[in-house]
Amino acid sequence: MSQLRDLAHPACSGNPSHMSEYRVSSGDAAGDHGSVHHISTIVFHAVAVMVDPSLKVTTRTIPGGSTEEVACLTYRAVEG
């Protein structure tokens, strides 16, 4: 797995892009505390899709917004 993540195309760097690919590691050998960094690409890929309509990955409409609106939404979601 690459240390750099391609958020537009996570599979290219060996990272998940959808919840169907969600996996939590059983150990912490990589110091990833249950794969939090590895699976973060799922959330941030969703952000990339909202910001860049050319990345559309579904037939459903994903409501987009301004970059500022998406940034605020992302911060609120990640902040908890």
PDB file of N, CA and C in Angstrom:
ATOM      1  N   MET A   1       0.844  -1.172   0.000  1.00  0.00           N
ATOM      2  CA  MET A   1       0.000   0.000   0.000  1.00  0.00           C
ATOM      3  C   MET A   1       0.891   1.236   0.000  1.00  0.00           C
ATOM      4  N   SER A   2       0.513   2.185  -0.805  1.00  0.00           N
ATOM      5  CA  SER A   2       1.267   3.420  -0.934  1.00  0.00           C
ATOM      6  C   SER A   2       0.991   4.359   0.234  1.00  0.00           C
ATOM      7  N   GLN A   3       1.985   5.131   0.614  1.00  0.00           N
ATOM      8  CA  GLN A   3       1.793   6.137   1.653  1.00  0.00           C
ATOM      9  C   GLN A   3       0.988   7.317   1.120  1.00  0.00           C
ATOM     10  N   LEU A   4       1.048   7.550  -0.187  1.00  0.00           N
ATOM     11  CA  LEU A   4       0.267   8.608  -0.803  1.00  0.00           C
ATOM     12  C   LEU A   4      -1.054   8.026  -1.272  1.00  0.00           C
ATOM     13  N   ARG A   5      -2.122   8.772  -1.094  1.00  0.00           N
ATOM     14  CA  ARG A   5      -3.441   8.291  -1.480  1.00  0.00           C
ATOM     15  C   ARG A   5      -3.984   9.128  -2.627  1.00  0.00           C
ATOM     16  N   ASP A   6      -4.549   8.465  -3.604  1.00  0.00           N
ATOM     17  CA  ASP A   6      -5.227   9.135  -4.701  1.00  0.00           C
ATOM     18  C   ASP A   6      -6.702   9.162  -4.331  1.00  0.00           C
ATOM     19  N   LEU A   7      -7.194  10.302  -3.866  1.00  0.00           N
ATOM     20  CA  LEU A   7      -8.565  10.376  -3.370  1.00  0.00           C
ATOM     21  C   LEU A   7      -9.592  10.333  -4.483  1.00  0.00           C
ATOM     22  N   ALA A   8      -9.194  10.704  -5.688  1.00  0.00           N
ATOM     23  CA  ALA A   8     -10.108  10.612  -6.822  1.00  0.00           C
ATOM     24  C   ALA A   8     -10.250   9.167  -7.284  1.00  0.00           C
ATOM     25  N   HIS A   9      -9.171   8.409  -7.197  1.00  0.00           N
ATOM     26  CA  HIS A   9      -9.149   7.009  -7.638  1.00  0.00           C
ATOM     27  C   HIS A   9      -8.410   6.173  -6.584  1.00  0.00           C
ATOM     28  N   PRO A  10      -9.015   5.950  -5.418  1.00  0.00           N
ATOM     29  CA  PRO A  10      -8.325   5.263  -4.315  1.00  0.00           C
ATOM     30  C   PRO A  10      -7.787   3.875  -4.651  1.00  0.00           C
ATOM     31  N   ALA A  11      -8.473   3.144  -5.513  1.00  0.00           N
ATOM     32  CA  ALA A  11      -8.021   1.785  -5.845  1.00  0.00           C
ATOM     33  C   ALA A  11      -6.640   1.789  -6.488  1.00  0.00           C
ATOM     34  N   CYS A  12      -6.290   2.881  -7.160  1.00  0.00           N
ATOM     35  CA  CYS A  12      -4.968   2.973  -7.800  1.00  0.00           C
ATOM     36  C   CYS A  12      -3.840   2.941  -6.779  1.00  0.00           C
ATOM     37  N   SER A  13      -4.129   3.346  -5.557  1.00  0.00           N
ATOM     38  CA  SER A  13      -3.108   3.325  -4.508  1.00  0.00           C
ATOM     39  C   SER A  13      -3.408   2.248  -3.467  1.00  0.00           C
ATOM     40  N   GLY A  14      -4.290   1.297  -3.831  1.00  0.00           N
ATOM     41  CA  GLY A  14      -4.584   0.172  -2.948  1.00  0.00           C
ATOM     42  C   GLY A  14      -5.474   0.509  -1.769  1.00  0.00           C
ATOM     43  N   ASN A  15      -6.296   1.545  -1.909  1.00  0.00           N
ATOM     44  CA  ASN A  15      -7.172   1.979  -0.826  1.00  0.00           C
ATOM     45  C   ASN A  15      -8.635   1.829  -1.227  1.00  0.00           C
ATOM     46  N   PRO A  16      -9.534   1.669  -0.237  1.00  0.00           N
ATOM     47  CA  PRO A  16     -10.957   1.513  -0.539  1.00  0.00           C
ATOM     48  C   PRO A  16     -11.608   2.839  -0.926  1.00  0.00           C
ATOM     49  N   SER A  17     -12.684   2.757  -1.722  1.00  0.00           N
ATOM     50  CA  SER A  17     -13.417   3.955  -2.111  1.00  0.00           C
ATOM     51  C   SER A  17     -14.893   3.871  -1.733  1.00  0.00           C
ATOM     52  N   HIS A  18     -15.334   2.744  -1.231  1.00  0.00           N
ATOM     53  CA  HIS A  18     -16.752   2.531  -0.950  1.00  0.00           C
ATOM     54  C   HIS A  18     -16.893   1.709   0.331  1.00  0.00           C
ATOM     55  N   MET A  19     -18.008   1.887   1.031  1.00  0.00           N
ATOM     56  CA  MET A  19     -18.228   1.155   2.281  1.00  0.00           C
ATOM     57  C   MET A  19     -18.249  -0.358   2.079  1.00  0.00           C
ATOM     58  N   SER A  20     -18.542  -0.807   0.875  1.00  0.00           N
ATOM     59  CA  SER A  20     -18.515  -2.257   0.621  1.00  0.00           C
ATOM     60  C   SER A  20     -17.088  -2.804   0.732  1.00  0.00           C
ATOM     61  N   GLU A  21     -16.097  -1.923   0.694  1.00  0.00           N
ATOM     62  CA  GLU A  21     -14.690  -2.321   0.803  1.00  0.00           C
ATOM     63  C   GLU A  21     -14.126  -2.070   2.205  1.00  0.00           C
ATOM     64  N   TYR A  22     -14.985  -1.677   3.124  1.00  0.00           N
ATOM     65  CA  TYR A  22     -14.577  -1.359   4.498  1.00  0.00           C
ATOM     66  C   TYR A  22     -14.063  -2.601   5.208  1.00  0.00           C
ATOM     67  N   ARG A  23     -12.863  -2.531   5.725  1.00  0.00           N
ATOM     68  CA  ARG A  23     -12.264  -3.620   6.505  1.00  0.00           C
ATOM     69  C   ARG A  23     -11.456  -2.989   7.631  1.00  0.00           C
ATOM     70  N   VAL A  24     -11.509  -3.601   8.792  1.00  0.00           N
ATOM     71  CA  VAL A  24     -10.708  -3.145   9.921  1.00  0.00           C
ATOM     72  C   VAL A  24      -9.670  -4.215  10.193  1.00  0.00           C
ATOM     73  N   SER A  25      -8.423  -3.812  10.313  1.00  0.00           N
ATOM     74  CA  SER A  25      -7.371  -4.791  10.588  1.00  0.00           C
ATOM     75  C   SER A  25      -7.497  -5.279  12.017  1.00  0.00           C
ATOM     76  N   SER A  26      -7.119  -6.520  12.219  1.00  0.00           N
ATOM     77  CA  SER A  26      -7.226  -7.105  13.554  1.00  0.00           C
ATOM     78  C   SER A  26      -6.059  -6.703  14.437  1.00  0.00           C
ATOM     79  N   GLY A  27      -4.960  -6.320  13.844  1.00  0.00           N
ATOM     80  CA  GLY A  27      -3.803  -5.929  14.634  1.00  0.00           C
ATOM     81  C   GLY A  27      -3.442  -4.481  14.388  1.00  0.00           C
ATOM     82  N   ASP A  28      -2.406  -4.056  15.050  1.00  0.00           N
ATOM     83  CA  ASP A  28      -1.968  -2.677  14.880  1.00  0.00           C
ATOM     84  C   ASP A  28      -0.500  -2.661  14.478  1.00  0.00           C
ATOM     85  N   ALA A  29      -0.109  -3.649  13.671  1.00  0.00           N
ATOM     86  CA  ALA A  29       1.288  -3.761  13.265  1.00  0.00           C
ATOM     87  C   ALA A  29       1.759  -2.533  12.503  1.00  0.00           C
ATOM     88  N   ALA A  30       0.863  -1.919  11.737  1.00  0.00           N
ATOM     89  CA  ALA A  30       1.248  -0.755  10.938  1.00  0.00           C
ATOM     90  C   ALA A  30       1.088   0.548  11.707  1.00  0.00           C
ATOM     91  N   GLY A  31       0.649   0.480  12.960  1.00  0.00           N
ATOM     92  CA  GLY A  31       0.431   1.693  13.740  1.00  0.00           C
ATOM     93  C   GLY A  31      -0.760   2.495  13.240  1.00  0.00           C
ATOM     94  N   ASP A  32      -1.733   1.812  12.638  1.00  0.00           N
ATOM     95  CA  ASP A  32      -2.873   2.494  12.026  1.00  0.00           C
ATOM     96  C   ASP A  32      -4.120   2.463  12.903  1.00  0.00           C
ATOM     97  N   HIS A  33      -4.011   2.017  14.119  1.00  0.00           N
ATOM     98  CA  HIS A  33      -5.104   2.050  15.092  1.00  0.00           C
ATOM     99  C   HIS A  33      -6.418   1.528  14.505  1.00  0.00           C
ATOM    100  N   GLY A  34      -6.403   0.312  13.972  1.00  0.00           N
ATOM    101  CA  GLY A  34      -7.611  -0.297  13.420  1.00  0.00           C
ATOM    102  C   GLY A  34      -7.924   0.148  12.009  1.00  0.00           C
ATOM    103  N   SER A  35      -6.917   0.529  11.254  1.00  0.00           N
ATOM    104  CA  SER A  35      -7.048   0.898   9.834  1.00  0.00           C
ATOM    105  C   SER A  35      -7.662   2.271   9.595  1.00  0.00           C
ATOM    106  N   VAL A  36      -7.623   3.166  10.576  1.00  0.00           N
ATOM    107  CA  VAL A  36      -8.289   4.463  10.406  1.00  0.00           C
ATOM    108  C   VAL A  36      -7.757   5.255   9.223  1.00  0.00           C
ATOM    109  N   HIS A  37      -6.465   5.188   8.963  1.00  0.00           N
ATOM    110  CA  HIS A  37      -5.919   5.936   7.830  1.00  0.00           C
ATOM    111  C   HIS A  37      -6.274   5.259   6.511  1.00  0.00           C
ATOM    112  N   HIS A  38      -6.190   3.948   6.509  1.00  0.00           N
ATOM    113  CA  HIS A  38      -6.499   3.193   5.294  1.00  0.00           C
ATOM    114  C   HIS A  38      -7.947   3.412   4.869  1.00  0.00           C
ATOM    115  N   ILE A  39      -8.891   3.316   5.802  1.00  0.00           N
ATOM    116  CA  ILE A  39     -10.303   3.449   5.439  1.00  0.00           C
ATOM    117  C   ILE A  39     -10.764   4.897   5.325  1.00  0.00           C
ATOM    118  N   SER A  40      -9.920   5.845   5.701  1.00  0.00           N
ATOM    119  CA  SER A  40     -10.312   7.254   5.569  1.00  0.00           C
ATOM    120  C   SER A  40     -10.526   7.638   4.114  1.00  0.00           C
ATOM    121  N   THR A  41      -9.953   6.871   3.194  1.00  0.00           N
ATOM    122  CA  THR A  41     -10.143   7.199   1.779  1.00  0.00           C
ATOM    123  C   THR A  41     -11.600   7.035   1.357  1.00  0.00           C
ATOM    124  N   ILE A  42     -12.378   6.250   2.088  1.00  0.00           N
ATOM    125  CA  ILE A  42     -13.804   6.106   1.764  1.00  0.00           C
ATOM    126  C   ILE A  42     -14.489   7.465   1.922  1.00  0.00           C
ATOM    127  N   VAL A  43     -14.262   8.112   3.043  1.00  0.00           N
ATOM    128  CA  VAL A  43     -14.864   9.417   3.313  1.00  0.00           C
ATOM    129  C   VAL A  43     -14.329  10.464   2.347  1.00  0.00           C
ATOM    130  N   PHE A  44     -13.026  10.504   2.188  1.00  0.00           N
ATOM    131  CA  PHE A  44     -12.434  11.556   1.373  1.00  0.00           C
ATOM    132  C   PHE A  44     -12.652  11.336  -0.130  1.00  0.00           C
ATOM    133  N   HIS A  45     -12.895  10.097  -0.539  1.00  0.00           N
ATOM    134  CA  HIS A  45     -13.294   9.860  -1.925  1.00  0.00           C
ATOM    135  C   HIS A  45     -14.695  10.439  -2.149  1.00  0.00           C
ATOM    136  N   ALA A  46     -15.575  10.288  -1.174  1.00  0.00           N
ATOM    137  CA  ALA A  46     -16.914  10.879  -1.282  1.00  0.00           C
ATOM    138  C   ALA A  46     -16.812  12.394  -1.428  1.00  0.00           C
ATOM    139  N   VAL A  47     -15.893  13.000  -0.703  1.00  0.00           N
ATOM    140  CA  VAL A  47     -15.676  14.445  -0.814  1.00  0.00           C
ATOM    141  C   VAL A  47     -15.193  14.791  -2.224  1.00  0.00           C
ATOM    142  N   ALA A  48     -14.257  14.021  -2.742  1.00  0.00           N
ATOM    143  CA  ALA A  48     -13.738  14.275  -4.089  1.00  0.00           C
ATOM    144  C   ALA A  48     -14.847  14.190  -5.124  1.00  0.00           C
ATOM    145  N   VAL A  49     -15.756  13.227  -4.953  1.00  0.00           N
ATOM    146  CA  VAL A  49     -16.865  13.074  -5.892  1.00  0.00           C
ATOM    147  C   VAL A  49     -17.809  14.273  -5.808  1.00  0.00           C
ATOM    148  N   MET A  50     -18.045  14.797  -4.606  1.00  0.00           N
ATOM    149  CA  MET A  50     -18.916  15.962  -4.462  1.00  0.00           C
ATOM    150  C   MET A  50     -18.310  17.203  -5.100  1.00  0.00           C
ATOM    151  N   VAL A  51     -17.007  17.334  -5.024  1.00  0.00           N
ATOM    152  CA  VAL A  51     -16.333  18.519  -5.551  1.00  0.00           C
ATOM    153  C   VAL A  51     -16.119  18.430  -7.055  1.00  0.00           C
ATOM    154  N   ASP A  52     -15.868  17.226  -7.566  1.00  0.00           N
ATOM    155  CA  ASP A  52     -15.555  17.049  -8.982  1.00  0.00           C
ATOM    156  C   ASP A  52     -16.588  16.144  -9.643  1.00  0.00           C
ATOM    157  N   PRO A  53     -17.586  16.713 -10.308  1.00  0.00           N
ATOM    158  CA  PRO A  53     -18.650  15.907 -10.916  1.00  0.00           C
ATOM    159  C   PRO A  53     -18.151  14.901 -11.960  1.00  0.00           C
ATOM    160  N   SER A  54     -16.968  15.101 -12.512  1.00  0.00           N
ATOM    161  CA  SER A  54     -16.457  14.155 -13.508  1.00  0.00           C
ATOM    162  C   SER A  54     -16.114  12.808 -12.891  1.00  0.00           C
ATOM    163  N   LEU A  55     -16.067  12.737 -11.576  1.00  0.00           N
ATOM    164  CA  LEU A  55     -15.766  11.482 -10.877  1.00  0.00           C
ATOM    165  C   LEU A  55     -17.025  10.680 -10.564  1.00  0.00           C
ATOM    166  N   LYS A  56     -18.143  11.068 -11.139  1.00  0.00           N
ATOM    167  CA  LYS A  56     -19.416  10.423 -10.849  1.00  0.00           C
ATOM    168  C   LYS A  56     -19.274   8.908 -10.964  1.00  0.00           C
ATOM    169  N   VAL A  57     -19.649   8.212  -9.910  1.00  0.00           N
ATOM    170  CA  VAL A  57     -19.456   6.761  -9.858  1.00  0.00           C
ATOM    171  C   VAL A  57     -20.778   6.004  -9.737  1.00  0.00           C
ATOM    172  N   THR A  58     -21.875   6.705  -9.850  1.00  0.00           N
ATOM    173  CA  THR A  58     -23.178   6.081  -9.684  1.00  0.00           C
ATOM    174  C   THR A  58     -24.177   6.744 -10.614  1.00  0.00           C
ATOM    175  N   THR A  59     -25.295   6.092 -10.827  1.00  0.00           N
ATOM    176  CA  THR A  59     -26.340   6.703 -11.641  1.00  0.00           C
ATOM    177  C   THR A  59     -27.181   7.660 -10.804  1.00  0.00           C
ATOM    178  N   ARG A  60     -27.060   7.560  -9.483  1.00  0.00           N
ATOM    179  CA  ARG A  60     -27.802   8.474  -8.610  1.00  0.00           C
ATOM    180  C   ARG A  60     -27.128   9.836  -8.602  1.00  0.00           C
ATOM    181  N   THR A  61     -27.910  10.844  -8.382  1.00  0.00           N
ATOM    182  CA  THR A  61     -27.374  12.196  -8.296  1.00  0.00           C
ATOM    183  C   THR A  61     -26.810  12.418  -6.906  1.00  0.00           C
ATOM    184  N   ILE A  62     -25.583  12.864  -6.858  1.00  0.00           N
ATOM    185  CA  ILE A  62     -24.951  13.208  -5.587  1.00  0.00           C
ATOM    186  C   ILE A  62     -24.968  14.725  -5.496  1.00  0.00           C
ATOM    187  N   PRO A  63     -25.700  15.262  -4.524  1.00  0.00           N
ATOM    188  CA  PRO A  63     -25.780  16.718  -4.461  1.00  0.00           C
ATOM    189  C   PRO A  63     -24.417  17.322  -4.172  1.00  0.00           C
ATOM    190  N   GLY A  64     -24.034  18.220  -5.014  1.00  0.00           N
ATOM    191  CA  GLY A  64     -22.762  18.908  -4.824  1.00  0.00           C
ATOM    192  C   GLY A  64     -23.005  20.291  -4.269  1.00  0.00           C
ATOM    193  N   GLY A  65     -21.979  20.963  -4.006  1.00  0.00           N
ATOM    194  CA  GLY A  65     -22.084  22.321  -3.512  1.00  0.00           C
ATOM    195  C   GLY A  65     -20.797  23.038  -3.831  1.00  0.00           C
ATOM    196  N   SER A  66     -20.702  24.225  -3.324  1.00  0.00           N
ATOM    197  CA  SER A  66     -19.457  24.950  -3.519  1.00  0.00           C
ATOM    198  C   SER A  66     -18.350  24.240  -2.749  1.00  0.00           C
ATOM    199  N   THR A  67     -17.136  24.526  -3.104  1.00  0.00           N
ATOM    200  CA  THR A  67     -16.001  23.930  -2.400  1.00  0.00           C
ATOM    201  C   THR A  67     -16.056  24.275  -0.916  1.00  0.00           C
ATOM    202  N   GLU A  68     -16.469  25.491  -0.598  1.00  0.00           N
ATOM    203  CA  GLU A  68     -16.564  25.914   0.801  1.00  0.00           C
ATOM    204  C   GLU A  68     -17.633  25.125   1.550  1.00  0.00           C
ATOM    205  N   GLU A  69     -18.786  24.883   0.902  1.00  0.00           N
ATOM    206  CA  GLU A  69     -19.849  24.108   1.537  1.00  0.00           C
ATOM    207  C   GLU A  69     -19.403  22.675   1.786  1.00  0.00           C
ATOM    208  N   VAL A  70     -18.743  22.090   0.812  1.00  0.00           N
ATOM    209  CA  VAL A  70     -18.256  20.717   0.957  1.00  0.00           C
ATOM    210  C   VAL A  70     -17.185  20.657   2.049  1.00  0.00           C
ATOM    211  N   ALA A  71     -16.321  21.662   2.110  1.00  0.00           N
ATOM    212  CA  ALA A  71     -15.282  21.700   3.150  1.00  0.00           C
ATOM    213  C   ALA A  71     -15.907  21.771   4.530  1.00  0.00           C
ATOM    214  N   CYS A  72     -16.930  22.597   4.700  1.00  0.00           N
ATOM    215  CA  CYS A  72     -17.615  22.705   5.999  1.00  0.00           C
ATOM    216  C   CYS A  72     -18.298  21.401   6.377  1.00  0.00           C
ATOM    217  N   LEU A  73     -18.974  20.782   5.424  1.00  0.00           N
ATOM    218  CA  LEU A  73     -19.627  19.508   5.661  1.00  0.00           C
ATOM    219  C   LEU A  73     -18.624  18.438   6.069  1.00  0.00           C
ATOM    220  N   THR A  74     -17.513  18.377   5.349  1.00  0.00           N
ATOM    221  CA  THR A  74     -16.481  17.398   5.647  1.00  0.00           C
ATOM    222  C   THR A  74     -15.902  17.612   7.033  1.00  0.00           C
ATOM    223  N   TYR A  75     -15.592  18.856   7.365  1.00  0.00           N
ATOM    224  CA  TYR A  75     -15.036  19.156   8.690  1.00  0.00           C
ATOM    225  C   TYR A  75     -15.998  18.729   9.782  1.00  0.00           C
ATOM    226  N   ARG A  76     -17.257  19.058   9.615  1.00  0.00           N
ATOM    227  CA  ARG A  76     -18.251  18.706  10.642  1.00  0.00           C
ATOM    228  C   ARG A  76     -18.397  17.197  10.775  1.00  0.00           C
ATOM    229  N   ALA A  77     -18.332  16.481   9.650  1.00  0.00           N
ATOM    230  CA  ALA A  77     -18.465  15.030   9.687  1.00  0.00           C
ATOM    231  C   ALA A  77     -17.269  14.353  10.336  1.00  0.00           C
ATOM    232  N   VAL A  78     -16.086  14.839  10.028  1.00  0.00           N
ATOM    233  CA  VAL A  78     -14.866  14.226  10.540  1.00  0.00           C
ATOM    234  C   VAL A  78     -14.605  14.621  11.988  1.00  0.00           C
ATOM    235  N   GLU A  79     -14.961  15.847  12.327  1.00  0.00           N
ATOM    236  CA  GLU A  79     -14.738  16.354  13.680  1.00  0.00           C
ATOM    237  C   GLU A  79     -15.509  15.549  14.713  1.00  0.00           C
ATOM    238  N   GLY A  80     -16.677  15.073  14.331  1.00  0.00           N
ATOM    239  CA  GLY A  80     -17.481  14.265  15.227  1.00  0.00           C
ATOM    240  C   GLY A  80     -18.390  15.102  15.984  1.00  0.00           C
TER     241      GLY A  80
END
